[in-house]
């Protein structure tokens, strides 16, 4: 791997735009020039989750980040979602922007969405990147209900005390050493990109409501592309975190086994939040893979 990129970036508000796609309003941002790279966020998050990727990657690519339906500043129709809906929204945004083919990157739920996109719209895909994701929902209906309720409980805690709720959730997302450093000094800026204060603010701004959580969770419960993954022929990079307890390394290894032209890289000493915790390393892997 090449030398890691560590560069100071100013955290300024970007120019948001809106597109009418599949009957709803989608909020998005574009930065940079070059080959298009679309970033797809995960469950209960929004496009701001890419605070450690958006600007660094825009030095090399035309980067597009957007809020999924039911998230951020995009519309939140009250109906059960499924992965094909989310994939159709990516396709609609590409059509709106006049993009014929793009690299597509998904993290967690976003990784599930882009696996579905790769299967439904292979002609629109250049290269695929999956970060800390799953090939299918691993539990049963009871497990899904428990997950759904845990996310709703998290929402209520966030409304009461955003800082305490964030650090409670960080126990699952970050390696202990990194989390303790954030707690010790919330103002510390990591890699010139973000501080814990930034992440707390992002988490508490425009959060997914209990209604949104229920609609997004429906997509999880109906998701299973495991047997279809051998049909993905595009070059694929899979980044899996060594200590991820939410989307375990073993599940990402199964994806690697199923996708023929895939490469698996383990991000050591990191949890589910590896795109932030190990931002320079993760970003360099992305750049190297897309520029190869």
C-alpha atoms as a PDB file:
ATOM      1  CA  UNK A   1       0.000   0.000   0.000  1.00  0.00           C
ATOM      2  CA  UNK A   2       1.199   3.511  -0.761  1.00  0.00           C
ATOM      3  CA  UNK A   3       1.971   6.111   1.872  1.00  0.00           C
ATOM      4  CA  UNK A   4      -1.119   7.151   3.807  1.00  0.00           C
ATOM      5  CA  UNK A   5      -2.667  10.477   2.972  1.00  0.00           C
ATOM      6  CA  UNK A   6      -3.073  12.804   5.957  1.00  0.00           C
ATOM      7  CA  UNK A   7      -4.172  16.259   4.892  1.00  0.00           C
ATOM      8  CA  UNK A   8      -5.869  19.161   6.626  1.00  0.00           C
ATOM      9  CA  UNK A   9      -9.341  19.954   5.329  1.00  0.00           C
ATOM     10  CA  UNK A  10     -11.584  22.808   6.354  1.00  0.00           C
ATOM     11  CA  UNK A  11     -14.938  21.600   7.613  1.00  0.00           C
ATOM     12  CA  UNK A  12     -17.205  24.072   5.828  1.00  0.00           C
ATOM     13  CA  UNK A  13     -20.850  23.666   4.917  1.00  0.00           C
ATOM     14  CA  UNK A  14     -21.216  22.403   1.374  1.00  0.00           C
ATOM     15  CA  UNK A  15     -23.783  23.430  -1.182  1.00  0.00           C
ATOM     16  CA  UNK A  16     -26.709  21.040  -0.986  1.00  0.00           C
ATOM     17  CA  UNK A  17     -28.989  20.416  -3.912  1.00  0.00           C
ATOM     18  CA  UNK A  18     -32.248  18.536  -4.340  1.00  0.00           C
ATOM     19  CA  UNK A  19     -33.544  16.244  -7.068  1.00  0.00           C
ATOM     20  CA  UNK A  20     -37.010  14.836  -7.657  1.00  0.00           C
ATOM     21  CA  UNK A  21     -36.437  11.091  -7.998  1.00  0.00           C
ATOM     22  CA  UNK A  22     -38.994   8.292  -8.040  1.00  0.00           C
ATOM     23  CA  UNK A  23     -41.650  10.604  -6.654  1.00  0.00           C
ATOM     24  CA  UNK A  24     -39.611  11.947  -3.726  1.00  0.00           C
ATOM     25  CA  UNK A  25     -37.076  14.699  -3.041  1.00  0.00           C
ATOM     26  CA  UNK A  26     -33.475  13.544  -2.596  1.00  0.00           C
ATOM     27  CA  UNK A  27     -30.836  15.782  -0.998  1.00  0.00           C
ATOM     28  CA  UNK A  28     -27.307  15.464  -2.408  1.00  0.00           C
ATOM     29  CA  UNK A  29     -23.915  17.138  -2.694  1.00  0.00           C
ATOM     30  CA  UNK A  30     -21.219  16.954  -5.368  1.00  0.00           C
ATOM     31  CA  UNK A  31     -17.556  17.866  -4.961  1.00  0.00           C
ATOM     32  CA  UNK A  32     -14.456  17.338  -7.088  1.00  0.00           C
ATOM     33  CA  UNK A  33     -13.682  16.358 -10.665  1.00  0.00           C
ATOM     34  CA  UNK A  34     -12.882  13.120 -12.433  1.00  0.00           C
ATOM     35  CA  UNK A  35     -14.590   9.754 -12.439  1.00  0.00           C
ATOM     36  CA  UNK A  36     -17.844   9.788 -10.443  1.00  0.00           C
ATOM     37  CA  UNK A  37     -17.848   8.047  -7.060  1.00  0.00           C
ATOM     38  CA  UNK A  38     -21.175   7.664  -5.238  1.00  0.00           C
ATOM     39  CA  UNK A  39     -21.168   7.229  -1.442  1.00  0.00           C
ATOM     40  CA  UNK A  40     -24.119   5.383   0.135  1.00  0.00           C
ATOM     41  CA  UNK A  41     -24.620   5.668   3.898  1.00  0.00           C
ATOM     42  CA  UNK A  42     -25.958   3.212   6.435  1.00  0.00           C
ATOM     43  CA  UNK A  43     -28.888   2.649   8.788  1.00  0.00           C
ATOM     44  CA  UNK A  44     -30.113   5.654  10.742  1.00  0.00           C
ATOM     45  CA  UNK A  45     -27.364   7.862   9.272  1.00  0.00           C
ATOM     46  CA  UNK A  46     -27.268  10.486   6.530  1.00  0.00           C
ATOM     47  CA  UNK A  47     -24.769  11.838   4.015  1.00  0.00           C
ATOM     48  CA  UNK A  48     -22.843  13.701   6.748  1.00  0.00           C
ATOM     49  CA  UNK A  49     -21.579  10.318   7.959  1.00  0.00           C
ATOM     50  CA  UNK A  50     -18.949  10.629   5.200  1.00  0.00           C
ATOM     51  CA  UNK A  51     -17.181  13.493   7.023  1.00  0.00           C
ATOM     52  CA  UNK A  52     -13.863  11.613   6.805  1.00  0.00           C
ATOM     53  CA  UNK A  53     -14.207  10.662   3.114  1.00  0.00           C
ATOM     54  CA  UNK A  54     -16.080  13.364   1.216  1.00  0.00           C
ATOM     55  CA  UNK A  55     -13.373  16.003   0.929  1.00  0.00           C
ATOM     56  CA  UNK A  56     -10.276  13.749   0.842  1.00  0.00           C
ATOM     57  CA  UNK A  57     -11.731  11.596  -1.958  1.00  0.00           C
ATOM     58  CA  UNK A  58     -12.886  14.674  -3.877  1.00  0.00           C
ATOM     59  CA  UNK A  59      -9.213  15.443  -4.474  1.00  0.00           C
ATOM     60  CA  UNK A  60      -9.235  12.478  -6.877  1.00  0.00           C
ATOM     61  CA  UNK A  61     -12.846  11.899  -7.960  1.00  0.00           C
ATOM     62  CA  UNK A  62     -16.162  13.593  -8.559  1.00  0.00           C
ATOM     63  CA  UNK A  63     -17.731  12.523  -5.278  1.00  0.00           C
ATOM     64  CA  UNK A  64     -21.494  12.404  -4.796  1.00  0.00           C
ATOM     65  CA  UNK A  65     -23.016  11.846  -1.366  1.00  0.00           C
ATOM     66  CA  UNK A  66     -26.750  11.879  -0.731  1.00  0.00           C
ATOM     67  CA  UNK A  67     -29.386  11.190   1.895  1.00  0.00           C
ATOM     68  CA  UNK A  68     -31.254   7.942   1.384  1.00  0.00           C
ATOM     69  CA  UNK A  69     -35.028   8.115   1.408  1.00  0.00           C
ATOM     70  CA  UNK A  70     -36.101   8.222   5.034  1.00  0.00           C
ATOM     71  CA  UNK A  71     -32.919  10.014   6.117  1.00  0.00           C
ATOM     72  CA  UNK A  72     -31.357  13.459   6.459  1.00  0.00           C
ATOM     73  CA  UNK A  73     -32.967  16.134   4.323  1.00  0.00           C
ATOM     74  CA  UNK A  74     -34.454  13.744   1.770  1.00  0.00           C
ATOM     75  CA  UNK A  75     -38.160  12.966   1.879  1.00  0.00           C
ATOM     76  CA  UNK A  76     -39.303  10.356   4.367  1.00  0.00           C
ATOM     77  CA  UNK A  77     -42.352   8.615   2.898  1.00  0.00           C
ATOM     78  CA  UNK A  78     -44.105   6.540   5.538  1.00  0.00           C
ATOM     79  CA  UNK A  79     -44.058   3.125   3.893  1.00  0.00           C
ATOM     80  CA  UNK A  80     -41.946  -0.017   4.265  1.00  0.00           C
ATOM     81  CA  UNK A  81     -38.708   0.278   2.265  1.00  0.00           C
ATOM     82  CA  UNK A  82     -36.758  -2.439   0.480  1.00  0.00           C
ATOM     83  CA  UNK A  83     -33.272  -2.602  -1.009  1.00  0.00           C
ATOM     84  CA  UNK A  84     -34.522  -2.329  -4.583  1.00  0.00           C
ATOM     85  CA  UNK A  85     -36.185   0.999  -3.726  1.00  0.00           C
ATOM     86  CA  UNK A  86     -32.870   2.315  -2.434  1.00  0.00           C
ATOM     87  CA  UNK A  87     -31.047   0.968  -5.507  1.00  0.00           C
ATOM     88  CA  UNK A  88     -33.592   2.622  -7.789  1.00  0.00           C
ATOM     89  CA  UNK A  89     -32.924   5.920  -6.029  1.00  0.00           C
ATOM     90  CA  UNK A  90     -29.198   5.634  -6.847  1.00  0.00           C
ATOM     91  CA  UNK A  91     -30.080   4.986 -10.475  1.00  0.00           C
ATOM     92  CA  UNK A  92     -32.473   7.940 -10.483  1.00  0.00           C
ATOM     93  CA  UNK A  93     -29.844  10.254  -9.025  1.00  0.00           C
ATOM     94  CA  UNK A  94     -27.349   9.130 -11.669  1.00  0.00           C
ATOM     95  CA  UNK A  95     -29.892   9.890 -14.390  1.00  0.00           C
ATOM     96  CA  UNK A  96     -30.584  13.302 -12.838  1.00  0.00           C
ATOM     97  CA  UNK A  97     -26.854  14.098 -12.847  1.00  0.00           C
ATOM     98  CA  UNK A  98     -26.295  12.702 -16.349  1.00  0.00           C
ATOM     99  CA  UNK A  99     -23.925   9.992 -15.094  1.00  0.00           C
ATOM    100  CA  UNK A 100     -23.872   6.859 -17.249  1.00  0.00           C
ATOM    101  CA  UNK A 101     -21.455   4.811 -15.107  1.00  0.00           C
ATOM    102  CA  UNK A 102     -19.968   5.348 -11.665  1.00  0.00           C
ATOM    103  CA  UNK A 103     -17.927   3.774  -8.936  1.00  0.00           C
ATOM    104  CA  UNK A 104     -20.273   3.022  -6.041  1.00  0.00           C
ATOM    105  CA  UNK A 105     -19.278   2.659  -2.384  1.00  0.00           C
ATOM    106  CA  UNK A 106     -21.555   1.522   0.444  1.00  0.00           C
ATOM    107  CA  UNK A 107     -20.994   1.228   4.188  1.00  0.00           C
ATOM    108  CA  UNK A 108     -23.112  -1.089   6.380  1.00  0.00           C
ATOM    109  CA  UNK A 109     -26.746  -0.797   5.157  1.00  0.00           C
ATOM    110  CA  UNK A 110     -25.239   1.212   2.297  1.00  0.00           C
ATOM    111  CA  UNK A 111     -23.180  -1.842   1.382  1.00  0.00           C
ATOM    112  CA  UNK A 112     -26.344  -3.923   1.193  1.00  0.00           C
ATOM    113  CA  UNK A 113     -27.969  -1.288  -1.005  1.00  0.00           C
ATOM    114  CA  UNK A 114     -25.045  -1.189  -3.424  1.00  0.00           C
ATOM    115  CA  UNK A 115     -24.871  -4.985  -3.648  1.00  0.00           C
ATOM    116  CA  UNK A 116     -28.496  -4.805  -4.770  1.00  0.00           C
ATOM    117  CA  UNK A 117     -27.608  -1.964  -7.157  1.00  0.00           C
ATOM    118  CA  UNK A 118     -24.759  -4.017  -8.644  1.00  0.00           C
ATOM    119  CA  UNK A 119     -27.145  -6.895  -9.343  1.00  0.00           C
ATOM    120  CA  UNK A 120     -29.963  -4.771 -10.752  1.00  0.00           C
ATOM    121  CA  UNK A 121     -27.932  -2.176 -12.677  1.00  0.00           C
ATOM    122  CA  UNK A 122     -24.619  -3.854 -13.645  1.00  0.00           C
ATOM    123  CA  UNK A 123     -24.332  -1.666 -16.751  1.00  0.00           C
ATOM    124  CA  UNK A 124     -24.206   1.451 -14.533  1.00  0.00           C
ATOM    125  CA  UNK A 125     -21.327   0.237 -12.385  1.00  0.00           C
ATOM    126  CA  UNK A 126     -17.586   0.792 -12.824  1.00  0.00           C
ATOM    127  CA  UNK A 127     -16.109  -0.572  -9.596  1.00  0.00           C
ATOM    128  CA  UNK A 128     -17.791  -1.604  -6.365  1.00  0.00           C
ATOM    129  CA  UNK A 129     -16.584  -0.953  -2.811  1.00  0.00           C
ATOM    130  CA  UNK A 130     -18.174  -2.546   0.252  1.00  0.00           C
ATOM    131  CA  UNK A 131     -17.312  -1.512   3.809  1.00  0.00           C
ATOM    132  CA  UNK A 132     -18.437  -3.435   6.906  1.00  0.00           C
ATOM    133  CA  UNK A 133     -21.614  -4.924   5.482  1.00  0.00           C
ATOM    134  CA  UNK A 134     -23.665  -8.126   5.116  1.00  0.00           C
ATOM    135  CA  UNK A 135     -24.826 -10.413   2.270  1.00  0.00           C
ATOM    136  CA  UNK A 136     -28.145 -11.074   4.027  1.00  0.00           C
ATOM    137  CA  UNK A 137     -29.953 -10.299   7.266  1.00  0.00           C
ATOM    138  CA  UNK A 138     -28.489 -12.864   9.684  1.00  0.00           C
ATOM    139  CA  UNK A 139     -31.361 -13.065  12.161  1.00  0.00           C
ATOM    140  CA  UNK A 140     -35.027 -14.023  12.256  1.00  0.00           C
ATOM    141  CA  UNK A 141     -38.110 -11.825  12.648  1.00  0.00           C
ATOM    142  CA  UNK A 142     -37.664 -11.693  16.429  1.00  0.00           C
ATOM    143  CA  UNK A 143     -34.082 -10.550  15.996  1.00  0.00           C
ATOM    144  CA  UNK A 144     -35.194  -7.826  13.598  1.00  0.00           C
ATOM    145  CA  UNK A 145     -37.776  -6.579  16.099  1.00  0.00           C
ATOM    146  CA  UNK A 146     -35.117  -6.444  18.805  1.00  0.00           C
ATOM    147  CA  UNK A 147     -32.786  -4.480  16.520  1.00  0.00           C
ATOM    148  CA  UNK A 148     -35.583  -2.121  15.547  1.00  0.00           C
ATOM    149  CA  UNK A 149     -36.488  -1.460  19.175  1.00  0.00           C
ATOM    150  CA  UNK A 150     -32.854  -0.902  20.125  1.00  0.00           C
ATOM    151  CA  UNK A 151     -32.585   1.766  17.423  1.00  0.00           C
ATOM    152  CA  UNK A 152     -35.787   3.444  18.604  1.00  0.00           C
ATOM    153  CA  UNK A 153     -34.487   3.432  22.187  1.00  0.00           C
ATOM    154  CA  UNK A 154     -31.243   4.954  20.923  1.00  0.00           C
ATOM    155  CA  UNK A 155     -33.241   7.714  19.216  1.00  0.00           C
ATOM    156  CA  UNK A 156     -34.985   8.643  22.476  1.00  0.00           C
ATOM    157  CA  UNK A 157     -31.687   8.657  24.401  1.00  0.00           C
ATOM    158  CA  UNK A 158     -30.215  10.890  21.706  1.00  0.00           C
ATOM    159  CA  UNK A 159     -33.073  13.363  22.098  1.00  0.00           C
ATOM    160  CA  UNK A 160     -32.474  13.506  25.865  1.00  0.00           C
ATOM    161  CA  UNK A 161     -28.664  13.711  25.902  1.00  0.00           C
ATOM    162  CA  UNK A 162     -26.879  13.633  22.498  1.00  0.00           C
ATOM    163  CA  UNK A 163     -23.371  13.467  23.957  1.00  0.00           C
ATOM    164  CA  UNK A 164     -24.059  10.622  26.395  1.00  0.00           C
ATOM    165  CA  UNK A 165     -26.006   8.711  23.735  1.00  0.00           C
ATOM    166  CA  UNK A 166     -23.187   9.092  21.225  1.00  0.00           C
ATOM    167  CA  UNK A 167     -20.473   7.769  23.510  1.00  0.00           C
ATOM    168  CA  UNK A 168     -22.709   4.910  24.629  1.00  0.00           C
ATOM    169  CA  UNK A 169     -23.142   3.895  20.978  1.00  0.00           C
ATOM    170  CA  UNK A 170     -19.430   4.411  20.328  1.00  0.00           C
ATOM    171  CA  UNK A 171     -18.690   1.395  22.533  1.00  0.00           C
ATOM    172  CA  UNK A 172     -19.987  -0.787  19.690  1.00  0.00           C
ATOM    173  CA  UNK A 173     -18.464   1.243  16.866  1.00  0.00           C
ATOM    174  CA  UNK A 174     -14.905   2.131  17.824  1.00  0.00           C
ATOM    175  CA  UNK A 175     -11.867   0.374  19.172  1.00  0.00           C
ATOM    176  CA  UNK A 176     -11.603   1.105  22.906  1.00  0.00           C
ATOM    177  CA  UNK A 177      -8.373   3.107  22.651  1.00  0.00           C
ATOM    178  CA  UNK A 178      -9.757   5.451  19.975  1.00  0.00           C
ATOM    179  CA  UNK A 179     -13.058   5.896  21.822  1.00  0.00           C
ATOM    180  CA  UNK A 180     -11.277   6.783  25.066  1.00  0.00           C
ATOM    181  CA  UNK A 181      -9.233   9.404  23.230  1.00  0.00           C
ATOM    182  CA  UNK A 182     -12.428  10.977  21.873  1.00  0.00           C
ATOM    183  CA  UNK A 183     -14.038  10.982  25.321  1.00  0.00           C
ATOM    184  CA  UNK A 184     -10.930  12.481  26.919  1.00  0.00           C
ATOM    185  CA  UNK A 185     -10.757  15.354  24.434  1.00  0.00           C
ATOM    186  CA  UNK A 186     -13.970  15.844  22.403  1.00  0.00           C
ATOM    187  CA  UNK A 187     -12.475  18.913  20.707  1.00  0.00           C
ATOM    188  CA  UNK A 188      -9.464  17.041  19.321  1.00  0.00           C
ATOM    189  CA  UNK A 189      -9.474  17.001  15.522  1.00  0.00           C
ATOM    190  CA  UNK A 190      -8.463  13.611  14.122  1.00  0.00           C
ATOM    191  CA  UNK A 191      -6.545  13.527  10.822  1.00  0.00           C
ATOM    192  CA  UNK A 192      -7.522  17.165  10.193  1.00  0.00           C
ATOM    193  CA  UNK A 193     -11.036  15.921   9.425  1.00  0.00           C
ATOM    194  CA  UNK A 194     -13.309  15.606  12.455  1.00  0.00           C
ATOM    195  CA  UNK A 195     -13.625  15.778  16.209  1.00  0.00           C
ATOM    196  CA  UNK A 196     -15.914  13.888  18.572  1.00  0.00           C
ATOM    197  CA  UNK A 197     -17.915  17.112  18.865  1.00  0.00           C
ATOM    198  CA  UNK A 198     -18.459  17.021  15.096  1.00  0.00           C
ATOM    199  CA  UNK A 199     -19.644  13.414  15.239  1.00  0.00           C
ATOM    200  CA  UNK A 200     -22.022  14.139  18.112  1.00  0.00           C
ATOM    201  CA  UNK A 201     -23.509  17.063  16.194  1.00  0.00           C
ATOM    202  CA  UNK A 202     -23.912  14.965  13.048  1.00  0.00           C
ATOM    203  CA  UNK A 203     -25.569  12.175  15.003  1.00  0.00           C
ATOM    204  CA  UNK A 204     -28.088  14.535  16.622  1.00  0.00           C
ATOM    205  CA  UNK A 205     -28.986  16.560  13.518  1.00  0.00           C
ATOM    206  CA  UNK A 206     -31.951  15.364  11.411  1.00  0.00           C
ATOM    207  CA  UNK A 207     -31.896  11.894  13.038  1.00  0.00           C
ATOM    208  CA  UNK A 208     -33.987   8.994  11.820  1.00  0.00           C
ATOM    209  CA  UNK A 209     -37.249   8.997  13.771  1.00  0.00           C
ATOM    210  CA  UNK A 210     -39.011   5.863  15.066  1.00  0.00           C
ATOM    211  CA  UNK A 211     -41.131   5.934  11.900  1.00  0.00           C
ATOM    212  CA  UNK A 212     -38.012   6.084   9.697  1.00  0.00           C
ATOM    213  CA  UNK A 213     -36.369   3.322  11.716  1.00  0.00           C
ATOM    214  CA  UNK A 214     -39.327   1.000  11.188  1.00  0.00           C
ATOM    215  CA  UNK A 215     -39.367   1.689   7.446  1.00  0.00           C
ATOM    216  CA  UNK A 216     -35.610   1.170   7.049  1.00  0.00           C
ATOM    217  CA  UNK A 217     -35.697  -1.983   9.181  1.00  0.00           C
ATOM    218  CA  UNK A 218     -38.197  -3.527   6.790  1.00  0.00           C
ATOM    219  CA  UNK A 219     -35.494  -3.410   4.104  1.00  0.00           C
ATOM    220  CA  UNK A 220     -33.154  -5.356   6.380  1.00  0.00           C
ATOM    221  CA  UNK A 221     -35.697  -8.078   7.082  1.00  0.00           C
ATOM    222  CA  UNK A 222     -36.351  -8.737   3.396  1.00  0.00           C
ATOM    223  CA  UNK A 223     -32.690  -8.653   2.349  1.00  0.00           C
ATOM    224  CA  UNK A 224     -30.785 -11.700   1.073  1.00  0.00           C
ATOM    225  CA  UNK A 225     -28.546 -11.543  -2.013  1.00  0.00           C
ATOM    226  CA  UNK A 226     -26.034 -14.180  -0.903  1.00  0.00           C
ATOM    227  CA  UNK A 227     -26.822 -16.714  -3.645  1.00  0.00           C
ATOM    228  CA  UNK A 228     -26.860 -13.977  -6.304  1.00  0.00           C
ATOM    229  CA  UNK A 229     -23.452 -12.499  -5.491  1.00  0.00           C
ATOM    230  CA  UNK A 230     -21.547 -14.687  -8.007  1.00  0.00           C
ATOM    231  CA  UNK A 231     -23.419 -12.715 -10.687  1.00  0.00           C
ATOM    232  CA  UNK A 232     -21.494  -9.558  -9.754  1.00  0.00           C
ATOM    233  CA  UNK A 233     -18.668  -9.504 -12.281  1.00  0.00           C
ATOM    234  CA  UNK A 234     -17.270  -6.021 -11.645  1.00  0.00           C
ATOM    235  CA  UNK A 235     -14.039  -5.503  -9.698  1.00  0.00           C
ATOM    236  CA  UNK A 236     -14.966  -5.280  -6.025  1.00  0.00           C
ATOM    237  CA  UNK A 237     -13.066  -4.125  -2.947  1.00  0.00           C
ATOM    238  CA  UNK A 238     -14.294  -5.350   0.448  1.00  0.00           C
ATOM    239  CA  UNK A 239     -12.984  -3.550   3.531  1.00  0.00           C
ATOM    240  CA  UNK A 240     -13.796  -5.305   6.798  1.00  0.00           C
ATOM    241  CA  UNK A 241     -12.863  -4.155  10.300  1.00  0.00           C
ATOM    242  CA  UNK A 242     -11.062  -6.630  12.527  1.00  0.00           C
ATOM    243  CA  UNK A 243     -13.162  -5.800  15.607  1.00  0.00           C
ATOM    244  CA  UNK A 244     -16.539  -5.094  13.992  1.00  0.00           C
ATOM    245  CA  UNK A 245     -19.281  -6.575  16.175  1.00  0.00           C
ATOM    246  CA  UNK A 246     -22.174  -5.312  14.026  1.00  0.00           C
ATOM    247  CA  UNK A 247     -21.191  -6.659  10.613  1.00  0.00           C
ATOM    248  CA  UNK A 248     -18.538  -9.239  11.534  1.00  0.00           C
ATOM    249  CA  UNK A 249     -15.456 -10.001   9.473  1.00  0.00           C
ATOM    250  CA  UNK A 250     -16.791 -13.533   8.847  1.00  0.00           C
ATOM    251  CA  UNK A 251     -19.813 -12.141   6.971  1.00  0.00           C
ATOM    252  CA  UNK A 252     -17.606  -9.967   4.782  1.00  0.00           C
ATOM    253  CA  UNK A 253     -15.412 -12.980   4.071  1.00  0.00           C
ATOM    254  CA  UNK A 254     -18.523 -14.783   2.816  1.00  0.00           C
ATOM    255  CA  UNK A 255     -19.174 -11.901   0.410  1.00  0.00           C
ATOM    256  CA  UNK A 256     -15.576 -12.172  -0.790  1.00  0.00           C
ATOM    257  CA  UNK A 257     -16.001 -15.901  -1.396  1.00  0.00           C
ATOM    258  CA  UNK A 258     -19.119 -15.272  -3.487  1.00  0.00           C
ATOM    259  CA  UNK A 259     -18.022 -12.328  -5.670  1.00  0.00           C
ATOM    260  CA  UNK A 260     -15.533 -13.623  -8.286  1.00  0.00           C
ATOM    261  CA  UNK A 261     -13.426 -10.497  -8.900  1.00  0.00           C
ATOM    262  CA  UNK A 262     -13.247  -9.320  -5.315  1.00  0.00           C
ATOM    263  CA  UNK A 263     -10.407  -8.319  -3.017  1.00  0.00           C
ATOM    264  CA  UNK A 264     -10.700  -8.436   0.785  1.00  0.00           C
ATOM    265  CA  UNK A 265      -8.705  -6.170   3.090  1.00  0.00           C
ATOM    266  CA  UNK A 266      -8.908  -6.328   6.891  1.00  0.00           C
ATOM    267  CA  UNK A 267      -8.629  -2.997   8.720  1.00  0.00           C
ATOM    268  CA  UNK A 268      -6.887  -3.940  11.948  1.00  0.00           C
ATOM    269  CA  UNK A 269      -7.636  -2.566  15.418  1.00  0.00           C
ATOM    270  CA  UNK A 270     -10.887  -0.975  14.265  1.00  0.00           C
ATOM    271  CA  UNK A 271     -14.613  -1.477  14.697  1.00  0.00           C
ATOM    272  CA  UNK A 272     -17.686  -0.731  12.598  1.00  0.00           C
ATOM    273  CA  UNK A 273     -16.675   2.944  12.489  1.00  0.00           C
ATOM    274  CA  UNK A 274     -13.425   2.141  10.685  1.00  0.00           C
ATOM    275  CA  UNK A 275     -14.028   4.737   7.904  1.00  0.00           C
ATOM    276  CA  UNK A 276     -13.603   7.368  10.634  1.00  0.00           C
ATOM    277  CA  UNK A 277     -11.346   5.567  13.093  1.00  0.00           C
ATOM    278  CA  UNK A 278      -8.867   4.613  10.359  1.00  0.00           C
ATOM    279  CA  UNK A 279      -9.759   7.329   7.850  1.00  0.00           C
ATOM    280  CA  UNK A 280      -6.332   7.792   6.179  1.00  0.00           C
ATOM    281  CA  UNK A 281      -5.856   4.035   5.750  1.00  0.00           C
ATOM    282  CA  UNK A 282      -9.403   3.431   4.495  1.00  0.00           C
ATOM    283  CA  UNK A 283      -9.242   6.396   2.100  1.00  0.00           C
ATOM    284  CA  UNK A 284      -5.893   5.256   0.695  1.00  0.00           C
ATOM    285  CA  UNK A 285      -7.238   1.764   0.025  1.00  0.00           C
ATOM    286  CA  UNK A 286     -10.188   3.304  -1.834  1.00  0.00           C
ATOM    287  CA  UNK A 287      -7.954   5.585  -3.912  1.00  0.00           C
ATOM    288  CA  UNK A 288      -5.489   2.810  -4.767  1.00  0.00           C
ATOM    289  CA  UNK A 289      -8.274   0.441  -5.805  1.00  0.00           C
ATOM    290  CA  UNK A 290     -10.109   2.942  -7.999  1.00  0.00           C
ATOM    291  CA  UNK A 291      -6.935   4.313  -9.589  1.00  0.00           C
ATOM    292  CA  UNK A 292      -5.470   0.842 -10.327  1.00  0.00           C
END
